[in-house]
Amino acid sequence: MFDIKSFFKREVEKKLMDVDDYIFMPERLEMELDGGSLNCVLNSDGRVDIFYTKQGVTEVSSAPRKHPFTSFETELHHGIYDDVIDDLVKEVSKIIDSSSKYFRRNKILSSAPSLPSRPLS
């Protein structure tokens, strides 16, 4: 037999949990993490942007809002976005630890000759 009450209850819960239907108050939380700066931004459309900067290297990632009825700060404290933050920290560390075979800090690049300032006739 079909239970109409549970069907309507499920549909109402589905509508309430759809993050796309909400407008959020933008929030921003900043903190120091592993020698770098972590910025977590909740946008009004429910998108969460996470920025991690260390030694001049910045990596950015976005995630959808997970729980519309929970405060953004509470979500962060419960580790909802920890996987995204871990990936950002790893990427920045990987970039910082790598080095170029072409550009070195102790190597001075020769400058190219300058072009003449007056037109050739």
C-alpha atoms as a PDB file:
ATOM      1  CA  MET A   1       0.000   0.000   0.000  1.00  0.00           C
ATOM      2  CA  PHE A   2       1.224   3.506  -0.799  1.00  0.00           C
ATOM      3  CA  ASP A   3       1.853   5.761   2.222  1.00  0.00           C
ATOM      4  CA  ILE A   4       0.895   9.257   1.071  1.00  0.00           C
ATOM      5  CA  LYS A   5       1.913  10.894   4.349  1.00  0.00           C
ATOM      6  CA  SER A   6       5.544   9.713   4.133  1.00  0.00           C
ATOM      7  CA  PHE A   7       5.631  10.671   0.441  1.00  0.00           C
ATOM      8  CA  PHE A   8       4.637  14.274   1.219  1.00  0.00           C
ATOM      9  CA  LYS A   9       7.003  14.378   4.176  1.00  0.00           C
ATOM     10  CA  ARG A  10       9.904  13.292   1.950  1.00  0.00           C
ATOM     11  CA  GLU A  11       9.020  15.890  -0.699  1.00  0.00           C
ATOM     12  CA  VAL A  12       8.811  18.683   1.874  1.00  0.00           C
ATOM     13  CA  GLU A  13      12.168  17.678   3.396  1.00  0.00           C
ATOM     14  CA  LYS A  14      13.703  17.554  -0.068  1.00  0.00           C
ATOM     15  CA  LYS A  15      12.497  21.087  -0.807  1.00  0.00           C
ATOM     16  CA  LEU A  16      13.769  22.385   2.541  1.00  0.00           C
ATOM     17  CA  MET A  17      17.224  20.864   2.063  1.00  0.00           C
ATOM     18  CA  ASP A  18      17.728  22.240  -1.469  1.00  0.00           C
ATOM     19  CA  VAL A  19      20.506  24.802  -0.951  1.00  0.00           C
ATOM     20  CA  ASP A  20      19.785  26.500  -4.290  1.00  0.00           C
ATOM     21  CA  ASP A  21      16.531  27.935  -2.892  1.00  0.00           C
ATOM     22  CA  TYR A  22      18.224  29.903  -0.105  1.00  0.00           C
ATOM     23  CA  ILE A  23      20.019  33.226   0.006  1.00  0.00           C
ATOM     24  CA  PHE A  24      22.753  33.245   2.614  1.00  0.00           C
ATOM     25  CA  MET A  25      24.287  36.108   4.521  1.00  0.00           C
ATOM     26  CA  PRO A  26      27.860  36.281   3.212  1.00  0.00           C
ATOM     27  CA  GLU A  27      30.431  35.322   5.844  1.00  0.00           C
ATOM     28  CA  ARG A  28      34.218  35.237   5.907  1.00  0.00           C
ATOM     29  CA  LEU A  29      36.471  33.440   8.369  1.00  0.00           C
ATOM     30  CA  GLU A  30      40.248  33.830   8.386  1.00  0.00           C
ATOM     31  CA  MET A  31      42.872  31.886  10.275  1.00  0.00           C
ATOM     32  CA  GLU A  32      46.551  30.985  10.238  1.00  0.00           C
ATOM     33  CA  LEU A  33      47.184  27.403   9.205  1.00  0.00           C
ATOM     34  CA  ASP A  34      50.499  25.585   8.765  1.00  0.00           C
ATOM     35  CA  GLY A  35      52.452  28.809   8.267  1.00  0.00           C
ATOM     36  CA  GLY A  36      49.952  30.194   5.753  1.00  0.00           C
ATOM     37  CA  SER A  37      46.673  32.074   5.637  1.00  0.00           C
ATOM     38  CA  LEU A  38      43.335  30.282   5.194  1.00  0.00           C
ATOM     39  CA  ASN A  39      40.248  32.274   4.149  1.00  0.00           C
ATOM     40  CA  CYS A  40      36.837  30.605   4.002  1.00  0.00           C
ATOM     41  CA  VAL A  41      34.077  32.614   2.323  1.00  0.00           C
ATOM     42  CA  LEU A  42      30.375  31.771   2.259  1.00  0.00           C
ATOM     43  CA  ASN A  43      28.735  33.524  -0.693  1.00  0.00           C
ATOM     44  CA  SER A  44      25.086  34.554  -0.804  1.00  0.00           C
ATOM     45  CA  ASP A  45      24.310  31.831  -3.370  1.00  0.00           C
ATOM     46  CA  GLY A  46      25.515  29.058  -1.037  1.00  0.00           C
ATOM     47  CA  ARG A  47      28.898  28.520  -2.661  1.00  0.00           C
ATOM     48  CA  VAL A  48      31.862  28.194  -0.302  1.00  0.00           C
ATOM     49  CA  ASP A  49      35.178  29.538  -1.608  1.00  0.00           C
ATOM     50  CA  ILE A  50      38.326  28.530   0.241  1.00  0.00           C
ATOM     51  CA  PHE A  51      41.650  30.348  -0.302  1.00  0.00           C
ATOM     52  CA  TYR A  52      44.990  29.183   1.073  1.00  0.00           C
ATOM     53  CA  THR A  53      48.092  31.386   0.731  1.00  0.00           C
ATOM     54  CA  LYS A  54      51.618  30.560   1.850  1.00  0.00           C
ATOM     55  CA  GLN A  55      54.891  32.236   0.813  1.00  0.00           C
ATOM     56  CA  GLY A  56      53.187  34.101  -2.020  1.00  0.00           C
ATOM     57  CA  VAL A  57      51.523  30.992  -3.494  1.00  0.00           C
ATOM     58  CA  THR A  58      47.711  30.943  -3.485  1.00  0.00           C
ATOM     59  CA  GLU A  59      45.397  28.039  -4.250  1.00  0.00           C
ATOM     60  CA  VAL A  60      41.597  28.364  -4.456  1.00  0.00           C
ATOM     61  CA  SER A  61      38.789  25.841  -4.357  1.00  0.00           C
ATOM     62  CA  SER A  62      34.989  25.985  -4.257  1.00  0.00           C
ATOM     63  CA  ALA A  63      32.491  23.676  -2.637  1.00  0.00           C
ATOM     64  CA  PRO A  64      28.705  23.707  -2.390  1.00  0.00           C
ATOM     65  CA  ARG A  65      27.116  24.548   0.961  1.00  0.00           C
ATOM     66  CA  LYS A  66      26.407  21.297   2.788  1.00  0.00           C
ATOM     67  CA  HIS A  67      23.863  22.195   5.496  1.00  0.00           C
ATOM     68  CA  PRO A  68      21.643  25.255   5.036  1.00  0.00           C
ATOM     69  CA  PHE A  69      20.285  25.164   8.617  1.00  0.00           C
ATOM     70  CA  THR A  70      23.686  25.042  10.327  1.00  0.00           C
ATOM     71  CA  SER A  71      25.807  28.139  10.824  1.00  0.00           C
ATOM     72  CA  PHE A  72      28.820  28.381   8.546  1.00  0.00           C
ATOM     73  CA  GLU A  73      31.227  28.586  11.471  1.00  0.00           C
ATOM     74  CA  THR A  74      29.729  25.419  12.981  1.00  0.00           C
ATOM     75  CA  GLU A  75      30.194  23.586   9.673  1.00  0.00           C
ATOM     76  CA  LEU A  76      33.853  24.582   9.663  1.00  0.00           C
ATOM     77  CA  HIS A  77      34.346  23.490  13.287  1.00  0.00           C
ATOM     78  CA  HIS A  78      32.835  20.078  12.532  1.00  0.00           C
ATOM     79  CA  GLY A  79      35.231  19.537   9.630  1.00  0.00           C
ATOM     80  CA  ILE A  80      32.712  19.516   6.782  1.00  0.00           C
ATOM     81  CA  TYR A  81      35.240  21.137   4.404  1.00  0.00           C
ATOM     82  CA  ASP A  82      38.424  19.565   5.824  1.00  0.00           C
ATOM     83  CA  ASP A  83      38.959  17.446   2.702  1.00  0.00           C
ATOM     84  CA  VAL A  84      38.949  20.562   0.494  1.00  0.00           C
ATOM     85  CA  ILE A  85      41.312  22.390   2.882  1.00  0.00           C
ATOM     86  CA  ASP A  86      43.692  19.401   3.022  1.00  0.00           C
ATOM     87  CA  ASP A  87      43.877  19.319  -0.783  1.00  0.00           C
ATOM     88  CA  LEU A  88      44.670  23.050  -0.905  1.00  0.00           C
ATOM     89  CA  VAL A  89      47.442  22.780   1.691  1.00  0.00           C
ATOM     90  CA  LYS A  90      48.970  19.812  -0.160  1.00  0.00           C
ATOM     91  CA  GLU A  91      48.896  21.631  -3.518  1.00  0.00           C
ATOM     92  CA  VAL A  92      50.520  24.781  -2.106  1.00  0.00           C
ATOM     93  CA  SER A  93      53.195  22.729  -0.316  1.00  0.00           C
ATOM     94  CA  LYS A  94      53.886  20.798  -3.515  1.00  0.00           C
ATOM     95  CA  ILE A  95      54.380  24.059  -5.439  1.00  0.00           C
ATOM     96  CA  ILE A  96      56.607  25.562  -2.728  1.00  0.00           C
ATOM     97  CA  ASP A  97      58.787  22.432  -2.500  1.00  0.00           C
ATOM     98  CA  SER A  98      59.294  22.190  -6.269  1.00  0.00           C
ATOM     99  CA  SER A  99      61.866  24.095  -8.272  1.00  0.00           C
ATOM    100  CA  SER A 100      62.255  25.088 -11.891  1.00  0.00           C
ATOM    101  CA  LYS A 101      65.080  23.808 -14.027  1.00  0.00           C
ATOM    102  CA  TYR A 102      64.988  27.095 -15.977  1.00  0.00           C
ATOM    103  CA  PHE A 103      64.642  29.764 -13.302  1.00  0.00           C
ATOM    104  CA  ARG A 104      66.853  29.902 -10.241  1.00  0.00           C
ATOM    105  CA  ARG A 105      67.095  32.597  -7.615  1.00  0.00           C
ATOM    106  CA  ASN A 106      70.890  32.711  -7.721  1.00  0.00           C
ATOM    107  CA  LYS A 107      71.098  32.834 -11.532  1.00  0.00           C
ATOM    108  CA  ILE A 108      71.089  36.296 -13.139  1.00  0.00           C
ATOM    109  CA  LEU A 109      69.268  36.470 -16.450  1.00  0.00           C
ATOM    110  CA  SER A 110      70.930  38.509 -19.162  1.00  0.00           C
ATOM    111  CA  SER A 111      68.910  41.410 -20.443  1.00  0.00           C
ATOM    112  CA  ALA A 112      68.020  41.764 -24.101  1.00  0.00           C
ATOM    113  CA  PRO A 113      69.335  44.773 -26.050  1.00  0.00           C
ATOM    114  CA  SER A 114      66.933  47.669 -26.128  1.00  0.00           C
ATOM    115  CA  LEU A 115      65.130  48.726 -29.285  1.00  0.00           C
ATOM    116  CA  PRO A 116      65.968  52.073 -30.881  1.00  0.00           C
ATOM    117  CA  SER A 117      63.707  54.868 -29.688  1.00  0.00           C
ATOM    118  CA  ARG A 118      63.435  56.672 -33.036  1.00  0.00           C
ATOM    119  CA  PRO A 119      61.896  55.092 -36.119  1.00  0.00           C
ATOM    120  CA  LEU A 120      64.176  53.899 -38.852  1.00  0.00           C
ATOM    121  CA  SER A 121      63.965  55.845 -42.117  1.00  0.00           C
END
